[in-house]
Amino acid sequence: MAVLPYLPAPYPDEIFGSWLKRISLHNSRGAWQVLVEESGIAAIQATFFDMVSYDPRLDRLLVALGTNYESTMLELSTMPYWLAFNSLELSAGSLPGTRSIPRLLGNKGRILRGALHAVGIARGERKARQLRYCCECLAENHSELGEPYWHRSHQLPNVFYCPKHGKRLYVSCPACNEDIVQVTSSLVALPRLICSCGFDFRKDRQKIPTAPPYLKLAQISSHALSNGLPSWSHQDVRSYFAELISSSDQKINKYIDALVSAFGQSRELATQKKLEFNVPNEPDMTMSLNRHYSAAFSQEFCGLLVAYDLPFEKARAGFIKCKGEEGKKIKPIDRLDLSSAVKSTELARKALLEKLARNPKEPVASHKGLYWHLRFNDTEWFLSQFPNFRGRSIQSVAEDRREIKRYLQEKGEKGLNRTPFMMRALARDKDWWLNYFENYKQKKNKRVQEARNKLIKETAGKMISALNDLLKNEDRPEWITPRRLGKFLNLSSPQAQHLVRNSPELRAALESANKDKLRRQLRWAARQLRLEGRYLSPYTVCIFAKLPTEREISVIAREVIEQIQDED
């Protein structure tokens, strides 16, 4: 592997992509590109900014830079923040490419086995270009280190203030609203000091006082980021907070109540799955959290620590304590997956009795998963404990199947797992359900894919029309990017790039137009000169087009002139 002339060490709290960008800048494009190509990576993309899925080629590059994949994720990414709340036991396996980093839980509680985007936290293309910066950190870094860089703690979810200085974090210029990060397909650029409008990003424009709960949220999140590898698991975290919520002697005794007490009244989204909290007097600063405690992860747990006025260090001690008491506590029963959660009928009995002891006024049937599991699989014990259920009729398997099919046809999957007929099917008719659902998903995915392909084809056709219009009417021709084309259809840059990747016709048209850029520029210059009544020659056309007068370009210019003269 090539050896770089200079290898800068990461700065305190620097994020992965920022370090890579500084290395590339300090070693010139040539030396850096040689190292990248020798590692087997064709090009370093903008996605190499925060957490990155393991790739042997990336690991080779990191080894050449004096580190490795595991150390990079722990020291230069936001992974420790997520590990602090979302990690599994190391015995369940380590993250690919590492030995000591446990796997993470992804969206909907699924175990993350590969790509980090499944966590629902890796920064997508749009997010990666909305990075947050602190004016005082910029000034301090430039003054003490000679260059600014991107901070890990500023990029954590729902962090709106700098944990160190308490200043508002910005994603764009306070004067003209231009993004501080320029759009590129390579490494994310380092933060600028001066905007194109002349505004100095190091100046503090904050006029509204800092909101204390959100500053505390930023500091707790930063402490979680500094935790490193946890000695506990996500289940220990959940047990700690469940006990905290249920045993509180305050009025805060529910998950949503706790969050509202800290961050004010929330606005429930139409999906009913999220809660939105607006930072006071800051309309563009909105915190989104899961509405249900069962779906709570790192962001929600940090919010609960703010609500209960607990520092991360105290919560950390609580997680460790729950870890030590693991053998004594009852693991929560997931009512939606009885086969994996209910390890035994005895455990189900114990869990149901504990729930009723904590909330004696709740009906037995409200604990649907446990209720139906014991009603079908331990009928004698259940009726001895709750004799008032004797003689009550239960819908037949055929009736439940009809209800499930009707529900899927009318409403889809949303909310199905909370219905009584679905609970009964999971308890006594699961084999049928798994087979039926598999067929249902295949048919649904086929319909979705057909609709997606149709939409891609229609939108790609509109983009090709926009491309043709642009080629006819543009001023001095430039390189045409998907983002530029997407603006004609009000598409974001990621949407336009996705469309180009998935439409061979559009991709071919765009490549053809860009391949012909030189000829387009010469043709434009020749027509402009002709409109002005000036003499056409290869030299004058090249000069007007601001192109070199090299022999190869002059030959093309002569061909363009002949074509224009033939048109007349």
Protein backbone atom coordinates (compact mmCIF):
# COMPACT_ATOMS: atom_id res chain seq x y z
CA MET A 1 0.00 0.00 0.00
CA ALA A 2 1.10 3.57 -0.71
CA VAL A 3 2.33 5.67 2.21
CA LEU A 4 0.99 9.19 2.61
CA PRO A 5 3.50 12.01 3.19
CA TYR A 6 1.48 13.35 6.13
CA LEU A 7 -1.09 11.62 8.34
CA PRO A 8 -2.94 14.05 10.64
CA ALA A 9 -4.32 12.65 13.89
CA PRO A 10 -8.06 13.02 14.56
CA TYR A 11 -9.03 16.07 16.60
CA PRO A 12 -11.09 15.75 19.80
CA ASP A 13 -14.72 14.86 19.00
CA GLU A 14 -13.96 14.76 15.24
CA ILE A 15 -16.22 12.60 13.08
CA PHE A 16 -15.00 10.01 10.58
CA GLY A 17 -15.76 11.86 7.33
CA SER A 18 -14.15 15.05 8.59
CA TRP A 19 -10.90 13.22 9.37
CA LEU A 20 -10.85 11.56 5.94
CA LYS A 21 -11.41 14.91 4.25
CA ARG A 22 -8.53 16.53 6.15
CA ILE A 23 -6.24 13.64 5.18
CA SER A 24 -7.15 14.07 1.50
CA LEU A 25 -6.60 17.84 1.64
CA HIS A 26 -3.23 17.62 3.41
CA ASN A 27 -1.83 15.05 0.98
CA SER A 28 -2.97 16.44 -2.38
CA ARG A 29 -5.43 14.68 -4.65
CA GLY A 30 -2.81 12.47 -6.32
CA ALA A 31 -1.33 10.79 -3.22
CA TRP A 32 -4.76 10.30 -1.64
CA GLN A 33 -6.30 8.89 -4.81
CA VAL A 34 -3.47 6.35 -5.20
CA LEU A 35 -4.08 5.08 -1.65
CA VAL A 36 -7.85 4.86 -2.21
CA GLU A 37 -7.45 2.92 -5.46
CA GLU A 38 -4.89 0.53 -3.96
CA SER A 39 -7.33 -0.29 -1.17
CA GLY A 40 -9.80 -1.44 -3.82
CA ILE A 41 -12.34 1.37 -3.39
CA ALA A 42 -13.11 3.12 -6.65
CA ALA A 43 -14.06 6.36 -4.92
CA ILE A 44 -14.76 7.59 -1.42
CA GLN A 45 -18.41 8.56 -1.31
CA ALA A 46 -20.32 11.08 0.77
CA THR A 47 -21.76 8.19 2.79
CA PHE A 48 -18.32 7.80 4.41
CA PHE A 49 -19.13 10.33 7.07
CA ASP A 50 -20.48 8.75 10.23
CA MET A 51 -21.18 5.04 10.78
CA VAL A 52 -20.26 2.90 7.79
CA SER A 53 -21.11 -0.75 7.17
CA TYR A 54 -18.10 -3.06 7.21
CA ASP A 55 -16.25 -3.60 3.95
CA PRO A 56 -12.86 -5.37 3.68
CA ARG A 57 -11.70 -2.69 1.23
CA LEU A 58 -12.53 0.04 3.72
CA ASP A 59 -10.70 -1.87 6.43
CA ARG A 60 -7.61 -2.06 4.20
CA LEU A 61 -7.72 1.69 3.77
CA LEU A 62 -8.09 2.25 7.51
CA VAL A 63 -5.17 -0.07 8.28
CA ALA A 64 -3.06 1.98 5.87
CA LEU A 65 -4.14 5.06 7.88
CA GLY A 66 -2.93 3.48 11.12
CA THR A 67 -6.25 2.30 12.54
CA ASN A 68 -8.97 -0.30 11.82
CA TYR A 69 -12.71 -0.53 11.31
CA GLU A 70 -13.57 -1.33 14.94
CA SER A 71 -11.52 1.53 16.40
CA THR A 72 -12.86 3.96 13.83
CA MET A 73 -16.48 3.18 14.65
CA LEU A 74 -15.87 3.55 18.38
CA GLU A 75 -13.70 6.67 18.27
CA LEU A 76 -14.78 8.58 15.16
CA SER A 77 -18.50 7.86 14.73
CA THR A 78 -21.71 8.27 16.74
CA MET A 79 -21.89 4.50 17.32
CA PRO A 80 -21.12 4.67 21.10
CA TYR A 81 -24.25 6.80 21.52
CA TRP A 82 -26.42 4.09 19.97
CA LEU A 83 -24.57 1.29 21.76
CA ALA A 84 -25.33 2.94 25.09
CA PHE A 85 -29.05 2.19 24.65
CA ASN A 86 -29.56 -0.14 21.67
CA SER A 87 -26.92 -2.87 22.00
CA LEU A 88 -27.55 -6.57 22.37
CA GLU A 89 -25.55 -9.02 24.45
CA LEU A 90 -22.16 -9.74 22.90
CA SER A 91 -23.04 -13.43 23.18
CA ALA A 92 -25.64 -12.80 20.44
CA GLY A 93 -22.80 -11.99 18.06
CA SER A 94 -20.60 -9.04 17.25
CA LEU A 95 -21.11 -6.39 14.60
CA PRO A 96 -19.61 -7.55 11.24
CA GLY A 97 -15.94 -6.62 11.02
CA THR A 98 -15.49 -6.30 14.80
CA ARG A 99 -14.73 -8.51 17.79
CA SER A 100 -15.93 -6.50 20.76
CA ILE A 101 -18.77 -4.34 19.39
CA PRO A 102 -22.15 -6.00 20.02
CA ARG A 103 -24.89 -5.95 17.43
CA LEU A 104 -27.44 -3.15 17.46
CA LEU A 105 -31.20 -3.20 17.41
CA GLY A 106 -32.63 -1.61 14.28
CA ASN A 107 -36.07 -0.28 13.42
CA LYS A 108 -39.04 -2.12 14.92
CA GLY A 109 -36.72 -3.99 17.29
CA ARG A 110 -35.09 -6.09 14.59
CA ILE A 111 -31.54 -7.29 15.11
CA LEU A 112 -29.13 -5.47 12.85
CA ARG A 113 -27.11 -8.04 10.95
CA GLY A 114 -25.51 -6.04 8.17
CA ALA A 115 -25.94 -2.53 6.80
CA LEU A 116 -26.01 0.17 9.45
CA HIS A 117 -28.79 2.08 7.68
CA ALA A 118 -31.19 -0.52 9.10
CA VAL A 119 -30.79 1.14 12.49
CA GLY A 120 -32.75 4.04 11.11
CA ILE A 121 -29.96 6.35 12.22
CA ALA A 122 -27.29 6.36 9.55
CA ARG A 123 -27.35 9.72 7.83
CA GLY A 124 -28.80 9.48 4.33
CA GLU A 125 -27.67 11.66 1.47
CA ARG A 126 -30.01 14.50 2.36
CA LYS A 127 -29.18 14.31 6.06
CA ALA A 128 -25.44 14.11 5.43
CA ARG A 129 -25.64 17.53 3.80
CA GLN A 130 -27.51 19.13 6.68
CA LEU A 131 -24.70 18.96 9.19
CA ARG A 132 -24.80 21.07 12.31
CA TYR A 133 -22.09 23.47 13.44
CA CYS A 134 -21.43 25.70 16.45
CA CYS A 135 -20.10 29.22 15.81
CA GLU A 136 -17.86 29.14 18.88
CA CYS A 137 -16.44 25.73 17.99
CA LEU A 138 -15.60 27.02 14.49
CA ALA A 139 -13.83 30.05 15.92
CA GLU A 140 -12.05 28.01 18.58
CA ASN A 141 -10.91 25.29 16.15
CA HIS A 142 -9.66 27.82 13.60
CA SER A 143 -7.84 29.87 16.23
CA GLU A 144 -6.20 26.99 18.11
CA LEU A 145 -5.79 24.34 15.37
CA GLY A 146 -5.70 26.39 12.20
CA GLU A 147 -8.65 24.61 10.57
CA PRO A 148 -12.29 23.82 11.38
CA TYR A 149 -13.78 20.32 11.45
CA TRP A 150 -17.06 18.51 12.01
CA HIS A 151 -17.90 17.42 15.58
CA ARG A 152 -19.52 14.08 16.44
CA SER A 153 -21.55 15.48 19.32
CA HIS A 154 -23.18 18.08 17.04
CA GLN A 155 -24.56 15.38 14.73
CA LEU A 156 -26.48 13.37 17.34
CA PRO A 157 -30.27 13.16 16.95
CA ASN A 158 -32.33 15.92 18.58
CA VAL A 159 -29.21 17.86 19.58
CA PHE A 160 -29.87 21.54 18.86
CA TYR A 161 -27.26 23.13 21.13
CA CYS A 162 -23.52 22.69 21.50
CA PRO A 163 -22.91 20.56 24.64
CA LYS A 164 -19.69 22.49 25.32
CA HIS A 165 -20.64 26.12 24.70
CA GLY A 166 -24.43 25.95 24.99
CA LYS A 167 -24.80 27.81 21.69
CA ARG A 168 -27.44 27.11 19.05
CA LEU A 169 -26.34 24.74 16.29
CA TYR A 170 -26.93 25.82 12.70
CA VAL A 171 -27.20 23.90 9.42
CA SER A 172 -27.11 26.94 7.15
CA CYS A 173 -26.06 30.58 6.98
CA PRO A 174 -28.09 32.72 9.42
CA ALA A 175 -27.91 35.60 6.93
CA CYS A 176 -28.88 34.04 3.57
CA ASN A 177 -29.96 30.51 4.59
CA GLU A 178 -27.42 28.84 2.24
CA ASP A 179 -26.34 25.37 3.40
CA ILE A 180 -22.90 25.39 4.97
CA VAL A 181 -22.09 22.09 3.22
CA GLN A 182 -21.69 22.15 -0.55
CA VAL A 183 -23.30 19.24 -2.43
CA THR A 184 -20.74 16.74 -3.72
CA SER A 185 -20.63 13.04 -4.53
CA SER A 186 -17.30 12.57 -2.77
CA LEU A 187 -16.23 13.24 0.80
CA VAL A 188 -18.26 15.84 2.66
CA ALA A 189 -16.40 19.16 2.63
CA LEU A 190 -15.06 20.68 5.84
CA PRO A 191 -17.14 23.50 7.34
CA ARG A 192 -16.57 26.88 5.75
CA LEU A 193 -15.71 29.98 7.76
CA ILE A 194 -17.20 32.53 5.37
CA CYS A 195 -20.46 32.18 3.43
CA SER A 196 -20.70 33.16 -0.23
CA CYS A 197 -22.82 36.11 0.93
CA GLY A 198 -19.93 37.31 3.09
CA PHE A 199 -21.31 36.28 6.49
CA ASP A 200 -18.74 34.98 8.96
CA PHE A 201 -19.97 31.65 10.37
CA ARG A 202 -17.88 32.26 13.51
CA LYS A 203 -20.16 35.12 14.54
CA ASP A 204 -22.88 34.38 17.05
CA ARG A 205 -26.31 35.40 15.75
CA GLN A 206 -28.31 33.71 18.52
CA LYS A 207 -30.94 36.15 19.79
CA ILE A 208 -33.32 33.71 21.48
CA PRO A 209 -32.28 32.37 24.92
CA THR A 210 -31.17 28.74 25.10
CA ALA A 211 -33.96 26.33 26.08
CA PRO A 212 -32.67 24.55 29.25
CA PRO A 213 -34.31 21.13 28.63
CA TYR A 214 -32.83 20.90 25.14
CA LEU A 215 -29.39 22.00 26.33
CA LYS A 216 -29.54 19.30 28.99
CA LEU A 217 -30.62 16.80 26.31
CA ALA A 218 -27.54 17.74 24.28
CA GLN A 219 -25.25 17.28 27.29
CA ILE A 220 -26.76 13.89 28.21
CA SER A 221 -26.48 12.74 24.59
CA SER A 222 -22.84 13.86 24.54
CA HIS A 223 -22.10 11.90 27.73
CA ALA A 224 -23.68 8.81 26.18
CA LEU A 225 -21.43 9.32 23.15
CA SER A 226 -18.39 9.27 25.45
CA ASN A 227 -19.40 6.00 27.08
CA GLY A 228 -17.52 3.64 24.76
CA LEU A 229 -18.44 -0.04 24.88
CA PRO A 230 -21.34 -0.80 27.25
CA SER A 231 -21.30 -3.64 29.76
CA TRP A 232 -25.09 -3.90 29.62
CA SER A 233 -27.69 -4.57 26.92
CA HIS A 234 -30.79 -2.88 25.54
CA GLN A 235 -32.93 -5.15 27.72
CA ASP A 236 -31.20 -3.84 30.87
CA VAL A 237 -31.83 -0.26 29.71
CA ARG A 238 -35.49 -1.01 29.13
CA SER A 239 -35.84 -2.68 32.54
CA TYR A 240 -34.25 0.33 34.24
CA PHE A 241 -36.61 2.83 32.63
CA ALA A 242 -39.68 0.61 33.11
CA GLU A 243 -38.95 0.48 36.85
CA LEU A 244 -38.24 4.21 36.91
CA ILE A 245 -41.58 5.09 35.29
CA SER A 246 -43.67 2.67 37.37
CA SER A 247 -42.06 3.47 40.74
CA SER A 248 -41.92 7.25 40.47
CA ASP A 249 -43.54 9.01 43.42
CA GLN A 250 -44.13 12.07 41.27
CA LYS A 251 -47.11 12.72 39.04
CA ILE A 252 -44.92 11.64 36.16
CA ASN A 253 -45.87 8.00 35.99
CA LYS A 254 -46.28 7.45 32.29
CA TYR A 255 -43.96 7.60 29.33
CA ILE A 256 -45.71 10.42 27.44
CA ASP A 257 -46.39 12.35 30.66
CA ALA A 258 -42.69 12.30 31.42
CA LEU A 259 -41.73 13.69 28.02
CA VAL A 260 -44.44 16.37 28.10
CA SER A 261 -43.35 17.48 31.57
CA ALA A 262 -39.83 18.14 30.24
CA PHE A 263 -40.39 19.46 26.74
CA GLY A 264 -43.89 20.93 26.82
CA GLN A 265 -47.03 19.94 24.99
CA SER A 266 -46.41 17.81 21.93
CA ARG A 267 -48.09 17.71 18.57
CA GLU A 268 -49.16 14.21 17.59
CA LEU A 269 -48.42 13.41 13.98
CA ALA A 270 -51.09 12.00 11.69
CA THR A 271 -49.45 8.59 11.81
CA GLN A 272 -50.02 8.44 15.57
CA LYS A 273 -46.57 6.87 15.85
CA LYS A 274 -44.55 10.01 16.59
CA LEU A 275 -44.64 12.95 18.96
CA GLU A 276 -43.27 16.33 17.93
CA PHE A 277 -41.83 18.82 20.40
CA ASN A 278 -40.92 22.30 19.18
CA VAL A 279 -38.01 24.17 20.75
CA PRO A 280 -39.50 27.41 22.19
CA ASN A 281 -39.40 30.29 19.67
CA GLU A 282 -37.42 28.16 17.19
CA PRO A 283 -39.87 26.98 14.50
CA ASP A 284 -37.18 25.17 12.50
CA MET A 285 -36.00 23.12 15.50
CA THR A 286 -38.36 20.17 16.04
CA MET A 287 -37.72 17.02 18.05
CA SER A 288 -39.51 13.86 16.92
CA LEU A 289 -39.88 10.90 19.30
CA ASN A 290 -41.68 7.58 19.18
CA ARG A 291 -45.10 7.80 20.75
CA HIS A 292 -45.02 4.33 22.35
CA TYR A 293 -42.59 3.24 25.02
CA SER A 294 -42.35 -0.18 23.40
CA ALA A 295 -40.67 1.53 20.41
CA ALA A 296 -38.34 3.71 22.51
CA PHE A 297 -34.65 3.82 21.62
CA SER A 298 -31.70 6.12 22.22
CA GLN A 299 -33.47 9.42 21.50
CA GLU A 300 -36.42 8.58 23.71
CA PHE A 301 -34.26 7.28 26.57
CA CYS A 302 -32.18 10.47 26.56
CA GLY A 303 -35.44 12.44 26.69
CA LEU A 304 -36.59 10.42 29.71
CA LEU A 305 -33.32 11.17 31.50
CA VAL A 306 -34.05 14.87 31.02
CA ALA A 307 -37.61 14.38 32.28
CA TYR A 308 -36.46 12.63 35.45
CA ASP A 309 -33.52 15.01 35.93
CA LEU A 310 -30.99 12.18 35.90
CA PRO A 311 -27.40 12.48 34.64
CA PHE A 312 -26.18 9.78 32.29
CA GLU A 313 -23.66 8.57 34.89
CA LYS A 314 -26.46 7.71 37.32
CA ALA A 315 -28.45 5.94 34.61
CA ARG A 316 -25.29 4.06 33.65
CA ALA A 317 -25.02 2.74 37.21
CA GLY A 318 -28.68 1.71 37.00
CA PHE A 319 -28.12 -0.18 33.76
CA ILE A 320 -25.24 -2.08 35.35
CA LYS A 321 -27.37 -2.88 38.40
CA CYS A 322 -30.15 -4.25 36.19
CA LYS A 323 -27.54 -6.33 34.43
CA GLY A 324 -26.53 -7.86 37.76
CA GLU A 325 -30.15 -8.64 38.62
CA GLU A 326 -30.89 -10.22 35.26
CA GLY A 327 -31.47 -13.66 36.72
CA LYS A 328 -34.04 -12.32 39.18
CA LYS A 329 -36.22 -10.21 36.93
CA ILE A 330 -39.08 -11.28 34.69
CA LYS A 331 -38.34 -10.54 31.07
CA PRO A 332 -41.17 -8.61 29.37
CA ILE A 333 -43.54 -10.62 27.22
CA ASP A 334 -43.89 -9.40 23.67
CA ARG A 335 -47.54 -9.84 22.94
CA LEU A 336 -46.88 -9.84 19.19
CA ASP A 337 -44.50 -12.78 19.07
CA LEU A 338 -45.57 -15.43 21.50
CA SER A 339 -43.40 -18.20 20.06
CA SER A 340 -40.16 -16.40 20.89
CA ALA A 341 -41.15 -14.33 23.91
CA VAL A 342 -43.13 -16.85 25.96
CA LYS A 343 -40.38 -19.27 26.89
CA SER A 344 -42.66 -21.41 29.00
CA THR A 345 -46.16 -21.56 30.37
CA GLU A 346 -44.75 -21.01 33.84
CA LEU A 347 -43.12 -17.76 32.72
CA ALA A 348 -46.37 -16.62 31.13
CA ARG A 349 -48.25 -17.32 34.38
CA LYS A 350 -45.74 -15.37 36.42
CA ALA A 351 -45.71 -12.44 34.01
CA LEU A 352 -49.51 -12.17 33.97
CA LEU A 353 -49.80 -12.29 37.77
CA GLU A 354 -47.10 -9.63 38.13
CA LYS A 355 -48.87 -7.33 35.69
CA LEU A 356 -52.17 -7.75 37.53
CA ALA A 357 -50.45 -7.14 40.87
CA ARG A 358 -49.03 -3.84 39.60
CA ASN A 359 -52.35 -2.76 38.08
CA PRO A 360 -55.15 -4.69 39.84
CA LYS A 361 -57.89 -2.62 38.17
CA GLU A 362 -56.89 -3.66 34.66
CA PRO A 363 -59.00 -6.44 33.12
CA VAL A 364 -57.22 -9.75 32.58
CA ALA A 365 -58.18 -9.71 28.92
CA SER A 366 -56.34 -6.39 28.39
CA HIS A 367 -53.05 -8.35 28.48
CA LYS A 368 -54.00 -9.96 25.19
CA GLY A 369 -50.88 -11.91 24.38
CA LEU A 370 -50.64 -13.56 27.78
CA TYR A 371 -54.43 -13.90 28.05
CA TRP A 372 -54.84 -15.89 24.86
CA HIS A 373 -51.68 -17.90 25.32
CA LEU A 374 -52.80 -19.16 28.74
CA ARG A 375 -56.46 -19.50 27.71
CA PHE A 376 -55.53 -21.92 24.93
CA ASN A 377 -52.38 -23.59 26.26
CA ASP A 378 -53.02 -23.68 30.02
CA THR A 379 -56.82 -23.65 30.19
CA GLU A 380 -57.18 -25.51 33.49
CA TRP A 381 -54.85 -23.18 35.40
CA PHE A 382 -56.34 -20.08 33.79
CA LEU A 383 -59.94 -20.98 34.66
CA SER A 384 -58.94 -21.91 38.21
CA GLN A 385 -57.43 -18.44 38.64
CA PHE A 386 -60.22 -16.59 36.82
CA PRO A 387 -63.42 -18.70 37.13
CA ASN A 388 -65.62 -15.91 35.75
CA PHE A 389 -64.36 -16.87 32.27
CA ARG A 390 -65.97 -20.33 32.44
CA GLY A 391 -68.68 -20.81 29.86
CA ARG A 392 -67.62 -17.88 27.70
CA SER A 393 -67.65 -18.75 24.03
CA ILE A 394 -64.60 -18.21 21.82
CA GLN A 395 -64.70 -17.55 18.08
CA SER A 396 -63.73 -20.48 15.92
CA VAL A 397 -60.51 -20.74 13.92
CA ALA A 398 -62.46 -20.35 10.67
CA GLU A 399 -64.09 -17.15 11.92
CA ASP A 400 -60.73 -15.69 12.93
CA ARG A 401 -59.26 -16.50 9.53
CA ARG A 402 -62.11 -14.71 7.79
CA GLU A 403 -61.65 -11.67 10.04
CA ILE A 404 -57.90 -11.57 9.37
CA LYS A 405 -58.42 -11.73 5.58
CA ARG A 406 -61.09 -9.04 5.73
CA TYR A 407 -58.92 -6.77 7.87
CA LEU A 408 -55.92 -7.11 5.55
CA GLN A 409 -58.06 -6.36 2.53
CA GLU A 410 -59.70 -3.28 4.06
CA LYS A 411 -56.99 -1.79 6.30
CA GLY A 412 -53.70 -3.53 5.55
CA GLU A 413 -51.23 -4.69 8.18
CA LYS A 414 -51.36 -1.60 10.39
CA GLY A 415 -52.94 -2.39 13.74
CA LEU A 416 -53.63 -6.04 12.87
CA ASN A 417 -51.43 -7.41 15.66
CA ARG A 418 -53.51 -5.58 18.25
CA THR A 419 -56.80 -7.20 17.23
CA PRO A 420 -58.27 -10.09 19.29
CA PHE A 421 -58.61 -12.39 16.28
CA MET A 422 -54.94 -11.90 15.43
CA MET A 423 -53.94 -12.64 19.01
CA ARG A 424 -55.95 -15.82 18.93
CA ALA A 425 -54.39 -16.85 15.62
CA LEU A 426 -50.88 -16.35 17.04
CA ALA A 427 -51.77 -18.53 20.00
CA ARG A 428 -53.51 -21.44 18.24
CA ASP A 429 -53.24 -21.08 14.44
CA LYS A 430 -49.78 -19.73 13.82
CA ASP A 431 -48.71 -22.14 11.06
CA TRP A 432 -51.66 -21.11 8.92
CA TRP A 433 -50.97 -17.45 9.59
CA LEU A 434 -47.30 -17.66 8.65
CA ASN A 435 -48.10 -19.37 5.34
CA TYR A 436 -50.94 -16.98 4.54
CA PHE A 437 -48.93 -13.90 5.46
CA GLU A 438 -45.98 -15.03 3.34
CA ASN A 439 -48.24 -15.30 0.27
CA TYR A 440 -49.89 -12.00 1.14
CA LYS A 441 -46.52 -10.22 1.38
CA GLN A 442 -45.33 -11.66 -1.93
CA LYS A 443 -48.44 -10.44 -3.73
CA LYS A 444 -48.26 -7.07 -2.03
CA ASN A 445 -44.56 -6.62 -2.84
CA LYS A 446 -45.28 -7.50 -6.45
CA ARG A 447 -48.00 -4.85 -6.65
CA VAL A 448 -45.76 -2.28 -4.96
CA GLN A 449 -42.87 -3.05 -7.29
CA GLU A 450 -45.09 -2.76 -10.36
CA ALA A 451 -46.42 0.59 -9.14
CA ARG A 452 -42.88 1.76 -8.36
CA ASN A 453 -41.61 0.75 -11.80
CA LYS A 454 -44.52 2.55 -13.45
CA LEU A 455 -43.81 5.72 -11.45
CA ILE A 456 -40.10 5.55 -12.25
CA LYS A 457 -40.85 5.16 -15.96
CA GLU A 458 -43.28 8.10 -15.99
CA THR A 459 -41.01 10.41 -13.98
CA ALA A 460 -37.95 9.41 -15.99
CA GLY A 461 -39.84 10.35 -19.16
CA LYS A 462 -40.56 13.79 -17.70
CA MET A 463 -36.89 14.20 -16.74
CA ILE A 464 -35.79 13.26 -20.27
CA SER A 465 -38.16 15.93 -21.62
CA ALA A 466 -36.69 18.42 -19.13
CA LEU A 467 -33.21 17.40 -20.28
CA ASN A 468 -34.11 18.01 -23.93
CA ASP A 469 -35.58 21.42 -23.08
CA LEU A 470 -32.46 22.29 -21.13
CA LEU A 471 -30.20 21.31 -24.01
CA LYS A 472 -32.20 23.56 -26.37
CA ASN A 473 -32.43 26.62 -24.15
CA GLU A 474 -29.44 26.61 -21.79
CA ASP A 475 -26.88 29.40 -21.75
CA ARG A 476 -23.24 28.35 -21.75
CA PRO A 477 -23.59 24.53 -21.43
CA GLU A 478 -22.37 22.99 -18.21
CA TRP A 479 -22.20 19.51 -16.75
CA ILE A 480 -25.76 18.34 -16.12
CA THR A 481 -26.24 16.62 -12.76
CA PRO A 482 -29.29 14.65 -11.55
CA ARG A 483 -29.80 17.35 -8.93
CA ARG A 484 -29.99 20.05 -11.59
CA LEU A 485 -32.53 18.07 -13.60
CA GLY A 486 -34.52 17.19 -10.48
CA LYS A 487 -35.20 20.86 -9.77
CA PHE A 488 -37.40 21.04 -12.88
CA LEU A 489 -39.71 18.45 -11.29
CA ASN A 490 -39.29 19.64 -7.69
CA LEU A 491 -37.31 16.53 -6.78
CA SER A 492 -34.66 16.46 -4.08
CA SER A 493 -31.11 15.48 -4.99
CA PRO A 494 -31.46 11.94 -3.52
CA GLN A 495 -34.74 11.42 -5.40
CA ALA A 496 -33.22 12.54 -8.70
CA GLN A 497 -30.14 10.34 -8.22
CA HIS A 498 -32.33 7.35 -7.34
CA LEU A 499 -34.31 7.93 -10.52
CA VAL A 500 -31.16 8.03 -12.66
CA ARG A 501 -29.86 4.84 -11.08
CA ASN A 502 -33.09 2.96 -11.75
CA SER A 503 -33.89 4.22 -15.26
CA PRO A 504 -31.49 2.98 -17.98
CA GLU A 505 -33.10 5.32 -20.57
CA LEU A 506 -32.63 8.40 -18.39
CA ARG A 507 -29.12 7.39 -17.40
CA ALA A 508 -28.13 6.87 -21.05
CA ALA A 509 -29.62 10.24 -22.07
CA LEU A 510 -27.80 12.04 -19.26
CA GLU A 511 -24.49 10.33 -20.02
CA SER A 512 -24.85 11.15 -23.71
CA ALA A 513 -25.54 14.82 -22.96
CA ASN A 514 -22.57 15.12 -20.63
CA LYS A 515 -20.31 13.22 -23.02
CA ASP A 516 -21.20 15.83 -25.68
CA LYS A 517 -20.63 18.79 -23.33
CA LEU A 518 -17.57 20.08 -25.20
CA ARG A 519 -19.39 20.06 -28.54
CA ARG A 520 -22.42 21.73 -26.92
CA GLN A 521 -20.25 24.52 -25.56
CA LEU A 522 -18.61 25.08 -28.94
CA ARG A 523 -21.99 25.07 -30.70
CA TRP A 524 -23.35 27.59 -28.23
CA ALA A 525 -20.32 29.85 -28.68
CA ALA A 526 -20.53 29.70 -32.48
CA ARG A 527 -24.22 30.62 -32.47
CA GLN A 528 -23.64 33.52 -30.10
CA LEU A 529 -20.85 34.88 -32.31
CA ARG A 530 -23.04 34.50 -35.39
CA LEU A 531 -25.88 36.40 -33.71
CA GLU A 532 -23.44 39.21 -32.95
CA GLY A 533 -22.30 39.24 -36.56
CA ARG A 534 -18.74 38.31 -35.73
CA TYR A 535 -16.38 36.19 -37.81
CA LEU A 536 -16.43 32.46 -37.08
CA SER A 537 -13.16 30.60 -36.80
CA PRO A 538 -12.02 27.72 -34.60
CA TYR A 539 -9.91 30.17 -32.60
CA THR A 540 -12.66 32.75 -31.96
CA VAL A 541 -15.17 30.04 -31.09
CA CYS A 542 -12.79 28.40 -28.57
CA ILE A 543 -11.97 31.75 -26.97
CA PHE A 544 -15.64 32.75 -26.68
CA ALA A 545 -16.46 29.35 -25.16
CA LYS A 546 -13.57 29.82 -22.68
CA LEU A 547 -11.93 26.61 -23.89
CA PRO A 548 -8.28 25.88 -24.72
CA THR A 549 -7.30 26.35 -28.37
CA GLU A 550 -5.72 22.93 -28.56
CA ARG A 551 -5.65 21.09 -31.87
CA GLU A 552 -8.25 18.45 -30.88
CA ILE A 553 -10.71 21.09 -29.68
CA SER A 554 -10.08 23.26 -32.74
CA VAL A 555 -10.94 20.32 -35.01
CA ILE A 556 -14.29 19.89 -33.24
CA ALA A 557 -14.86 23.67 -33.43
CA ARG A 558 -14.32 23.60 -37.18
CA GLU A 559 -16.88 20.77 -37.52
CA VAL A 560 -19.39 22.77 -35.46
CA ILE A 561 -18.87 25.85 -37.63
CA GLU A 562 -19.47 23.82 -40.79
CA GLN A 563 -22.68 22.36 -39.32
CA ILE A 564 -24.02 25.82 -38.44
CA GLN A 565 -23.16 27.16 -41.89
CA ASP A 566 -24.92 24.15 -43.51
CA GLU A 567 -28.03 24.90 -41.43
CA ASP A 568 -28.20 28.32 -43.04
